[in-house]
Amino acid sequence: MTTSIKLYSATTVALQDVWTTLLSLAGVALMIAAIILIVKLIGTLTRVNQLVDDIAPSVRSSLEKMPATMENVKIISGNMVDLTDDLATQVPDIMGDAKEMTGSLKGAVSSVSETVTDASDLVSGVVGFFHRPRSTVEAVGDVLNTARRATKFVRRGARKMRRKAGR
């Protein structure tokens, strides 16, 4: 049993023939698309091959140098390990020395500060003694205070000298 379509009253076409024609046209279109795709793929592969041929000498040269480079990296990393090991043992000693030095420096600054204060008091007392008029009792008191400051200054200097000599 065949189904047919009536076209313009005189011609009849079998439905099977229409399907066969449509499938044949689709197959031809698919074949043309496949050929275009293959042509483009061949062009792309040609360009890729040209690119590989262009960079192959550089890659070979780099690969030949790789073992020497890796050996240098190994040596450098070994040196870094040695350096960090040395630093790990020496840094605590350096920090201890720095702490001791800052303590000594603090003591020296304190000592200088006390000395400057004493000298300033001494000079102030001497200048004050000669600059303002006062009674004899005040003048004697000022002289005694100035002498007390001077002896304190000298004693402190002597103590510092003994401490330094004892170290």
N, C-alpha and C. Protein backbone atom coordinates (compact mmCIF):
# COMPACT_ATOMS: atom_id res chain seq x y z
N MET A 1 0.83 -1.15 0.00
CA MET A 1 0.00 0.00 0.00
C MET A 1 0.89 1.23 0.00
N THR A 2 0.73 2.05 -0.90
CA THR A 2 1.53 3.22 -1.13
C THR A 2 0.65 4.44 -0.95
N THR A 3 1.23 5.40 -0.26
CA THR A 3 0.51 6.64 -0.06
C THR A 3 1.06 7.62 -1.07
N SER A 4 0.23 8.38 -1.67
CA SER A 4 0.70 9.34 -2.64
C SER A 4 0.08 10.69 -2.38
N ILE A 5 0.81 11.69 -2.85
CA ILE A 5 0.36 13.07 -2.71
C ILE A 5 0.02 13.56 -4.11
N LYS A 6 -1.05 14.22 -4.22
CA LYS A 6 -1.48 14.71 -5.52
C LYS A 6 -0.99 16.14 -5.67
N LEU A 7 -0.10 16.37 -6.63
CA LEU A 7 0.41 17.69 -6.91
C LEU A 7 -0.13 18.11 -8.27
N TYR A 8 -0.62 19.23 -8.33
CA TYR A 8 -1.20 19.72 -9.59
C TYR A 8 -1.95 18.58 -10.25
N SER A 9 -2.85 18.46 -10.28
CA SER A 9 -3.76 17.40 -10.65
C SER A 9 -3.20 16.29 -11.52
N ALA A 10 -2.15 16.49 -12.26
CA ALA A 10 -1.69 15.44 -13.16
C ALA A 10 -0.57 14.60 -12.57
N THR A 11 0.19 15.09 -11.59
CA THR A 11 1.35 14.36 -11.11
C THR A 11 1.09 13.84 -9.71
N THR A 12 1.46 12.63 -9.46
CA THR A 12 1.39 12.06 -8.12
C THR A 12 2.77 11.59 -7.74
N VAL A 13 3.14 11.84 -6.49
CA VAL A 13 4.46 11.46 -6.00
C VAL A 13 4.25 10.55 -4.79
N ALA A 14 5.00 9.51 -4.74
CA ALA A 14 4.88 8.58 -3.62
C ALA A 14 5.59 9.19 -2.41
N LEU A 15 4.99 9.03 -1.24
CA LEU A 15 5.55 9.58 0.00
C LEU A 15 6.92 8.98 0.29
N GLN A 16 7.09 7.75 -0.06
CA GLN A 16 8.38 7.08 0.14
C GLN A 16 9.46 7.75 -0.70
N ASP A 17 9.14 8.17 -1.89
CA ASP A 17 10.11 8.85 -2.74
C ASP A 17 10.48 10.22 -2.16
N VAL A 18 9.48 10.91 -1.55
CA VAL A 18 9.76 12.22 -0.94
C VAL A 18 10.74 12.03 0.23
N TRP A 19 10.48 11.04 1.08
CA TRP A 19 11.37 10.78 2.23
C TRP A 19 12.76 10.39 1.76
N THR A 20 12.85 9.59 0.77
CA THR A 20 14.15 9.17 0.23
C THR A 20 14.90 10.37 -0.31
N THR A 21 14.23 11.26 -0.98
CA THR A 21 14.87 12.45 -1.52
C THR A 21 15.33 13.37 -0.39
N LEU A 22 14.48 13.59 0.62
CA LEU A 22 14.85 14.45 1.74
C LEU A 22 16.05 13.88 2.52
N LEU A 23 16.01 12.58 2.77
CA LEU A 23 17.13 11.94 3.49
C LEU A 23 18.41 11.99 2.66
N SER A 24 18.31 11.83 1.35
CA SER A 24 19.48 11.92 0.48
C SER A 24 20.07 13.33 0.51
N LEU A 25 19.19 14.35 0.47
CA LEU A 25 19.68 15.74 0.54
C LEU A 25 20.33 16.02 1.89
N ALA A 26 19.73 15.50 2.97
CA ALA A 26 20.32 15.68 4.30
C ALA A 26 21.67 14.98 4.38
N GLY A 27 21.79 13.82 3.81
CA GLY A 27 23.07 13.09 3.79
C GLY A 27 24.12 13.85 3.01
N VAL A 28 23.73 14.42 1.86
CA VAL A 28 24.67 15.21 1.06
C VAL A 28 25.12 16.44 1.85
N ALA A 29 24.18 17.12 2.52
CA ALA A 29 24.54 18.31 3.32
C ALA A 29 25.48 17.91 4.46
N LEU A 30 25.19 16.78 5.08
CA LEU A 30 26.04 16.30 6.16
C LEU A 30 27.44 15.97 5.64
N MET A 31 27.51 15.37 4.47
CA MET A 31 28.82 15.04 3.88
C MET A 31 29.59 16.32 3.55
N ILE A 32 28.92 17.34 3.04
CA ILE A 32 29.58 18.61 2.72
C ILE A 32 30.09 19.26 4.00
N ALA A 33 29.27 19.25 5.05
CA ALA A 33 29.70 19.82 6.34
C ALA A 33 30.90 19.05 6.89
N ALA A 34 30.88 17.72 6.75
CA ALA A 34 32.00 16.91 7.23
C ALA A 34 33.27 17.22 6.45
N ILE A 35 33.15 17.41 5.15
CA ILE A 35 34.32 17.73 4.33
C ILE A 35 34.88 19.09 4.72
N ILE A 36 34.00 20.09 4.94
CA ILE A 36 34.46 21.42 5.36
C ILE A 36 35.17 21.32 6.71
N LEU A 37 34.58 20.54 7.64
CA LEU A 37 35.19 20.37 8.95
C LEU A 37 36.56 19.70 8.84
N ILE A 38 36.66 18.70 8.00
CA ILE A 38 37.94 18.00 7.83
C ILE A 38 38.98 18.93 7.22
N VAL A 39 38.59 19.75 6.26
CA VAL A 39 39.52 20.71 5.63
C VAL A 39 40.03 21.70 6.68
N LYS A 40 39.12 22.22 7.50
CA LYS A 40 39.53 23.17 8.55
C LYS A 40 40.42 22.48 9.58
N LEU A 41 40.09 21.24 9.91
CA LEU A 41 40.90 20.48 10.86
C LEU A 41 42.29 20.23 10.31
N ILE A 42 42.39 19.93 9.05
CA ILE A 42 43.70 19.72 8.42
C ILE A 42 44.50 21.02 8.44
N GLY A 43 43.85 22.17 8.15
CA GLY A 43 44.54 23.46 8.21
C GLY A 43 45.05 23.77 9.62
N THR A 44 44.21 23.47 10.60
CA THR A 44 44.62 23.70 12.00
C THR A 44 45.79 22.80 12.37
N LEU A 45 45.72 21.54 12.01
CA LEU A 45 46.82 20.62 12.31
C LEU A 45 48.11 21.03 11.60
N THR A 46 47.99 21.57 10.40
CA THR A 46 49.17 22.05 9.68
C THR A 46 49.82 23.21 10.44
N ARG A 47 49.00 24.15 10.92
CA ARG A 47 49.54 25.27 11.69
C ARG A 47 50.16 24.81 13.01
N VAL A 48 49.51 23.86 13.67
CA VAL A 48 50.05 23.32 14.92
C VAL A 48 51.39 22.63 14.67
N ASN A 49 51.47 21.85 13.61
CA ASN A 49 52.74 21.18 13.27
C ASN A 49 53.83 22.19 12.97
N GLN A 50 53.48 23.26 12.27
CA GLN A 50 54.46 24.31 11.97
C GLN A 50 54.95 24.97 13.27
N LEU A 51 54.02 25.24 14.18
CA LEU A 51 54.36 25.84 15.47
C LEU A 51 55.27 24.91 16.28
N VAL A 52 54.95 23.63 16.29
CA VAL A 52 55.78 22.66 17.02
C VAL A 52 57.17 22.60 16.39
N ASP A 53 57.24 22.60 15.06
CA ASP A 53 58.54 22.60 14.39
C ASP A 53 59.35 23.84 14.72
N ASP A 54 58.67 24.99 14.87
CA ASP A 54 59.36 26.25 15.18
C ASP A 54 59.94 26.25 16.60
N ILE A 55 59.20 25.70 17.56
CA ILE A 55 59.67 25.77 18.95
C ILE A 55 60.46 24.55 19.38
N ALA A 56 60.51 23.50 18.56
CA ALA A 56 61.21 22.26 18.94
C ALA A 56 62.69 22.49 19.29
N PRO A 57 63.46 23.28 18.52
CA PRO A 57 64.87 23.47 18.90
C PRO A 57 65.02 24.15 20.27
N SER A 58 64.18 25.14 20.55
CA SER A 58 64.27 25.83 21.84
C SER A 58 63.91 24.89 22.98
N VAL A 59 62.91 24.06 22.77
CA VAL A 59 62.50 23.11 23.81
C VAL A 59 63.60 22.09 24.05
N ARG A 60 64.19 21.59 22.97
CA ARG A 60 65.30 20.63 23.12
C ARG A 60 66.46 21.25 23.88
N SER A 61 66.80 22.49 23.52
CA SER A 61 67.89 23.18 24.21
C SER A 61 67.58 23.36 25.69
N SER A 62 66.36 23.74 26.00
CA SER A 62 65.96 23.92 27.40
C SER A 62 65.99 22.59 28.15
N LEU A 63 65.53 21.54 27.52
CA LEU A 63 65.54 20.22 28.17
C LEU A 63 66.96 19.71 28.39
N GLU A 64 67.87 20.05 27.48
CA GLU A 64 69.26 19.63 27.67
C GLU A 64 69.90 20.36 28.85
N LYS A 65 69.49 21.59 29.09
CA LYS A 65 70.05 22.38 30.20
C LYS A 65 69.37 22.07 31.52
N MET A 66 68.23 21.38 31.51
CA MET A 66 67.44 21.14 32.72
C MET A 66 68.21 20.39 33.82
N PRO A 67 68.96 19.32 33.53
CA PRO A 67 69.67 18.64 34.63
C PRO A 67 70.68 19.55 35.34
N ALA A 68 71.42 20.36 34.59
CA ALA A 68 72.37 21.28 35.22
C ALA A 68 71.64 22.32 36.06
N THR A 69 70.51 22.81 35.54
CA THR A 69 69.73 23.79 36.28
C THR A 69 69.19 23.18 37.57
N MET A 70 68.69 21.97 37.49
CA MET A 70 68.15 21.31 38.68
C MET A 70 69.25 21.04 39.70
N GLU A 71 70.46 20.73 39.23
CA GLU A 71 71.59 20.52 40.15
C GLU A 71 71.92 21.83 40.87
N ASN A 72 71.91 22.94 40.12
CA ASN A 72 72.15 24.25 40.75
C ASN A 72 71.07 24.58 41.77
N VAL A 73 69.83 24.28 41.44
CA VAL A 73 68.73 24.52 42.39
C VAL A 73 68.94 23.67 43.64
N LYS A 74 69.35 22.45 43.47
CA LYS A 74 69.60 21.55 44.61
C LYS A 74 70.71 22.10 45.49
N ILE A 75 71.78 22.59 44.87
CA ILE A 75 72.90 23.16 45.64
C ILE A 75 72.45 24.41 46.39
N ILE A 76 71.72 25.27 45.70
CA ILE A 76 71.26 26.51 46.33
C ILE A 76 70.31 26.21 47.50
N SER A 77 69.41 25.26 47.31
CA SER A 77 68.49 24.93 48.40
C SER A 77 69.24 24.32 49.58
N GLY A 78 70.30 23.54 49.29
CA GLY A 78 71.14 23.01 50.38
C GLY A 78 71.84 24.11 51.13
N ASN A 79 72.34 25.10 50.38
CA ASN A 79 72.99 26.24 51.02
C ASN A 79 72.00 27.02 51.89
N MET A 80 70.77 27.16 51.41
CA MET A 80 69.76 27.87 52.19
C MET A 80 69.45 27.13 53.49
N VAL A 81 69.41 25.79 53.42
CA VAL A 81 69.16 25.00 54.63
C VAL A 81 70.29 25.21 55.63
N ASP A 82 71.54 25.18 55.12
CA ASP A 82 72.69 25.40 56.00
C ASP A 82 72.64 26.79 56.62
N LEU A 83 72.29 27.78 55.81
CA LEU A 83 72.22 29.16 56.29
C LEU A 83 71.16 29.31 57.37
N THR A 84 69.99 28.74 57.14
CA THR A 84 68.93 28.86 58.14
C THR A 84 69.28 28.09 59.41
N ASP A 85 69.97 26.95 59.26
CA ASP A 85 70.42 26.22 60.46
C ASP A 85 71.41 27.04 61.27
N ASP A 86 72.36 27.68 60.57
CA ASP A 86 73.32 28.54 61.27
C ASP A 86 72.62 29.69 61.96
N LEU A 87 71.67 30.30 61.27
CA LEU A 87 70.94 31.42 61.87
C LEU A 87 70.14 30.97 63.09
N ALA A 88 69.57 29.77 63.01
CA ALA A 88 68.77 29.28 64.13
C ALA A 88 69.61 29.11 65.39
N THR A 89 70.88 28.78 65.23
CA THR A 89 71.74 28.62 66.41
C THR A 89 72.35 29.95 66.86
N GLN A 90 72.55 30.88 65.93
CA GLN A 90 73.24 32.12 66.28
C GLN A 90 72.30 33.24 66.73
N VAL A 91 71.06 33.23 66.26
CA VAL A 91 70.14 34.32 66.59
C VAL A 91 69.88 34.42 68.10
N PRO A 92 69.66 33.30 68.81
CA PRO A 92 69.45 33.45 70.26
C PRO A 92 70.66 34.08 70.96
N ASP A 93 71.89 33.71 70.54
CA ASP A 93 73.08 34.32 71.13
C ASP A 93 73.13 35.82 70.84
N ILE A 94 72.82 36.19 69.61
CA ILE A 94 72.84 37.60 69.22
C ILE A 94 71.78 38.37 70.01
N MET A 95 70.60 37.77 70.16
CA MET A 95 69.55 38.44 70.93
C MET A 95 69.95 38.60 72.39
N GLY A 96 70.62 37.58 72.95
CA GLY A 96 71.09 37.70 74.33
C GLY A 96 72.11 38.81 74.47
N ASP A 97 73.04 38.89 73.52
CA ASP A 97 74.04 39.96 73.54
C ASP A 97 73.37 41.32 73.40
N ALA A 98 72.39 41.41 72.53
CA ALA A 98 71.69 42.69 72.33
C ALA A 98 70.96 43.09 73.61
N LYS A 99 70.35 42.11 74.27
CA LYS A 99 69.63 42.40 75.51
C LYS A 99 70.61 42.89 76.58
N GLU A 100 71.76 42.25 76.65
CA GLU A 100 72.77 42.66 77.63
C GLU A 100 73.29 44.06 77.33
N MET A 101 73.49 44.34 76.04
CA MET A 101 73.98 45.66 75.65
C MET A 101 72.95 46.74 75.95
N THR A 102 71.67 46.45 75.71
CA THR A 102 70.65 47.45 76.00
C THR A 102 70.55 47.70 77.49
N GLY A 103 70.76 46.63 78.28
CA GLY A 103 70.77 46.82 79.74
C GLY A 103 71.93 47.70 80.16
N SER A 104 73.12 47.45 79.60
CA SER A 104 74.29 48.26 79.91
C SER A 104 74.08 49.70 79.45
N LEU A 105 73.51 49.84 78.27
CA LEU A 105 73.26 51.18 77.74
C LEU A 105 72.25 51.93 78.61
N LYS A 106 71.24 51.21 79.08
CA LYS A 106 70.25 51.82 79.97
C LYS A 106 70.93 52.32 81.24
N GLY A 107 71.82 51.48 81.79
CA GLY A 107 72.55 51.89 82.99
C GLY A 107 73.43 53.10 82.73
N ALA A 108 74.11 53.11 81.58
CA ALA A 108 74.97 54.24 81.24
C ALA A 108 74.16 55.52 81.07
N VAL A 109 73.02 55.42 80.38
CA VAL A 109 72.17 56.60 80.19
C VAL A 109 71.66 57.10 81.54
N SER A 110 71.27 56.19 82.39
CA SER A 110 70.79 56.58 83.72
C SER A 110 71.90 57.27 84.51
N SER A 111 73.10 56.71 84.40
CA SER A 111 74.24 57.28 85.10
C SER A 111 74.56 58.69 84.58
N VAL A 112 74.56 58.83 83.26
CA VAL A 112 74.83 60.15 82.67
C VAL A 112 73.74 61.13 83.08
N SER A 113 72.49 60.66 83.10
CA SER A 113 71.38 61.52 83.48
C SER A 113 71.54 62.00 84.93
N GLU A 114 71.92 61.09 85.81
CA GLU A 114 72.13 61.47 87.21
C GLU A 114 73.29 62.46 87.33
N THR A 115 74.36 62.21 86.58
CA THR A 115 75.52 63.09 86.61
C THR A 115 75.16 64.49 86.12
N VAL A 116 74.41 64.55 85.03
CA VAL A 116 74.00 65.85 84.50
C VAL A 116 73.10 66.56 85.49
N THR A 117 72.20 65.83 86.13
CA THR A 117 71.31 66.44 87.13
C THR A 117 72.12 66.99 88.29
N ASP A 118 73.08 66.20 88.77
CA ASP A 118 73.91 66.65 89.89
C ASP A 118 74.74 67.88 89.50
N ALA A 119 75.32 67.84 88.31
CA ALA A 119 76.13 68.96 87.86
C ALA A 119 75.27 70.21 87.69
N SER A 120 74.06 70.01 87.18
CA SER A 120 73.14 71.13 87.02
C SER A 120 72.76 71.73 88.38
N ASP A 121 72.49 70.85 89.33
CA ASP A 121 72.17 71.34 90.68
C ASP A 121 73.35 72.10 91.27
N LEU A 122 74.56 71.58 91.06
CA LEU A 122 75.76 72.21 91.59
C LEU A 122 75.95 73.60 90.98
N VAL A 123 75.84 73.67 89.64
CA VAL A 123 76.01 74.96 88.96
C VAL A 123 74.91 75.92 89.39
N SER A 124 73.68 75.43 89.50
CA SER A 124 72.58 76.27 89.92
C SER A 124 72.81 76.82 91.33
N GLY A 125 73.33 75.95 92.19
CA GLY A 125 73.62 76.40 93.56
C GLY A 125 74.70 77.46 93.60
N VAL A 126 75.76 77.26 92.82
CA VAL A 126 76.86 78.23 92.80
C VAL A 126 76.38 79.55 92.22
N VAL A 127 75.64 79.48 91.09
CA VAL A 127 75.14 80.71 90.47
C VAL A 127 74.16 81.40 91.40
N GLY A 128 73.27 80.64 92.01
CA GLY A 128 72.31 81.22 92.93
C GLY A 128 72.98 81.87 94.14
N PHE A 129 74.08 81.27 94.58
CA PHE A 129 74.80 81.80 95.73
C PHE A 129 75.35 83.20 95.44
N PHE A 130 75.83 83.41 94.24
CA PHE A 130 76.46 84.68 93.91
C PHE A 130 75.48 85.71 93.37
N HIS A 131 74.28 85.34 93.01
CA HIS A 131 73.38 86.27 92.34
C HIS A 131 72.31 86.91 93.22
N ARG A 132 71.94 86.35 94.28
CA ARG A 132 70.85 86.98 95.01
C ARG A 132 71.34 87.41 96.41
N PRO A 133 70.90 88.52 96.84
CA PRO A 133 71.30 88.98 98.17
C PRO A 133 70.51 88.21 99.23
N ARG A 134 71.17 87.85 100.33
CA ARG A 134 70.49 87.13 101.39
C ARG A 134 71.24 87.32 102.71
N SER A 135 70.67 86.73 103.68
CA SER A 135 71.28 86.87 105.00
C SER A 135 72.46 85.92 105.11
N THR A 136 73.25 86.10 106.12
CA THR A 136 74.44 85.27 106.34
C THR A 136 74.05 83.82 106.61
N VAL A 137 72.98 83.59 107.31
CA VAL A 137 72.53 82.23 107.60
C VAL A 137 72.15 81.52 106.30
N GLU A 138 71.43 82.23 105.42
CA GLU A 138 71.06 81.63 104.13
C GLU A 138 72.31 81.36 103.31
N ALA A 139 73.25 82.27 103.32
CA ALA A 139 74.47 82.09 102.54
C ALA A 139 75.24 80.88 103.03
N VAL A 140 75.34 80.71 104.37
CA VAL A 140 76.05 79.56 104.93
C VAL A 140 75.30 78.27 104.56
N GLY A 141 73.97 78.31 104.64
CA GLY A 141 73.17 77.13 104.26
C GLY A 141 73.37 76.77 102.80
N ASP A 142 73.42 77.77 101.92
CA ASP A 142 73.65 77.53 100.50
C ASP A 142 75.03 76.94 100.26
N VAL A 143 76.02 77.44 100.97
CA VAL A 143 77.39 76.91 100.83
C VAL A 143 77.41 75.45 101.26
N LEU A 144 76.76 75.15 102.39
CA LEU A 144 76.72 73.76 102.87
C LEU A 144 75.97 72.86 101.89
N ASN A 145 74.85 73.33 101.35
CA ASN A 145 74.11 72.53 100.35
C ASN A 145 74.95 72.29 99.11
N THR A 146 75.64 73.31 98.68
CA THR A 146 76.49 73.16 97.50
C THR A 146 77.62 72.17 97.77
N ALA A 147 78.21 72.25 98.96
CA ALA A 147 79.29 71.31 99.32
C ALA A 147 78.72 69.90 99.39
N ARG A 148 77.51 69.74 99.94
CA ARG A 148 76.89 68.41 100.03
C ARG A 148 76.66 67.84 98.63
N ARG A 149 76.16 68.67 97.72
CA ARG A 149 75.94 68.21 96.35
C ARG A 149 77.25 67.83 95.67
N ALA A 150 78.28 68.60 95.90
CA ALA A 150 79.58 68.32 95.29
C ALA A 150 80.14 67.00 95.80
N THR A 151 80.05 66.77 97.12
CA THR A 151 80.57 65.50 97.66
C THR A 151 79.73 64.33 97.16
N LYS A 152 78.42 64.53 97.03
CA LYS A 152 77.55 63.47 96.50
C LYS A 152 77.96 63.15 95.06
N PHE A 153 78.22 64.16 94.29
CA PHE A 153 78.65 64.01 92.91
C PHE A 153 79.96 63.22 92.83
N VAL A 154 80.92 63.57 93.67
CA VAL A 154 82.22 62.91 93.67
C VAL A 154 82.08 61.46 94.14
N ARG A 155 81.29 61.21 95.18
CA ARG A 155 81.10 59.84 95.69
C ARG A 155 80.44 58.95 94.62
N ARG A 156 79.45 59.50 93.95
CA ARG A 156 78.77 58.73 92.92
C ARG A 156 79.76 58.36 91.80
N GLY A 157 80.58 59.30 91.42
CA GLY A 157 81.59 59.02 90.39
C GLY A 157 82.57 57.96 90.86
N ALA A 158 82.96 57.99 92.14
CA ALA A 158 83.90 57.00 92.67
C ALA A 158 83.25 55.62 92.70
N ARG A 159 81.94 55.54 93.05
CA ARG A 159 81.24 54.25 93.06
C ARG A 159 81.17 53.66 91.66
N LYS A 160 80.91 54.50 90.72
CA LYS A 160 80.82 54.03 89.33
C LYS A 160 82.17 53.51 88.87
N MET A 161 83.21 54.17 89.23
CA MET A 161 84.56 53.72 88.85
C MET A 161 84.87 52.37 89.49
N ARG A 162 84.48 52.19 90.76
CA ARG A 162 84.72 50.91 91.42
C ARG A 162 83.91 49.79 90.77
N ARG A 163 82.65 50.08 90.41
CA ARG A 163 81.84 49.08 89.74
C ARG A 163 82.44 48.67 88.41
N LYS A 164 82.91 49.65 87.66
CA LYS A 164 83.54 49.34 86.37
C LYS A 164 84.80 48.53 86.56
N ALA A 165 85.58 48.84 87.58
CA ALA A 165 86.83 48.13 87.83
C ALA A 165 86.53 46.71 88.28
N GLY A 166 85.41 46.48 88.97
CA GLY A 166 85.02 45.16 89.48
C GLY A 166 84.53 44.23 88.36
N ARG A 167 84.11 44.75 87.26
CA ARG A 167 83.57 43.92 86.17
C ARG A 167 84.61 43.21 85.40
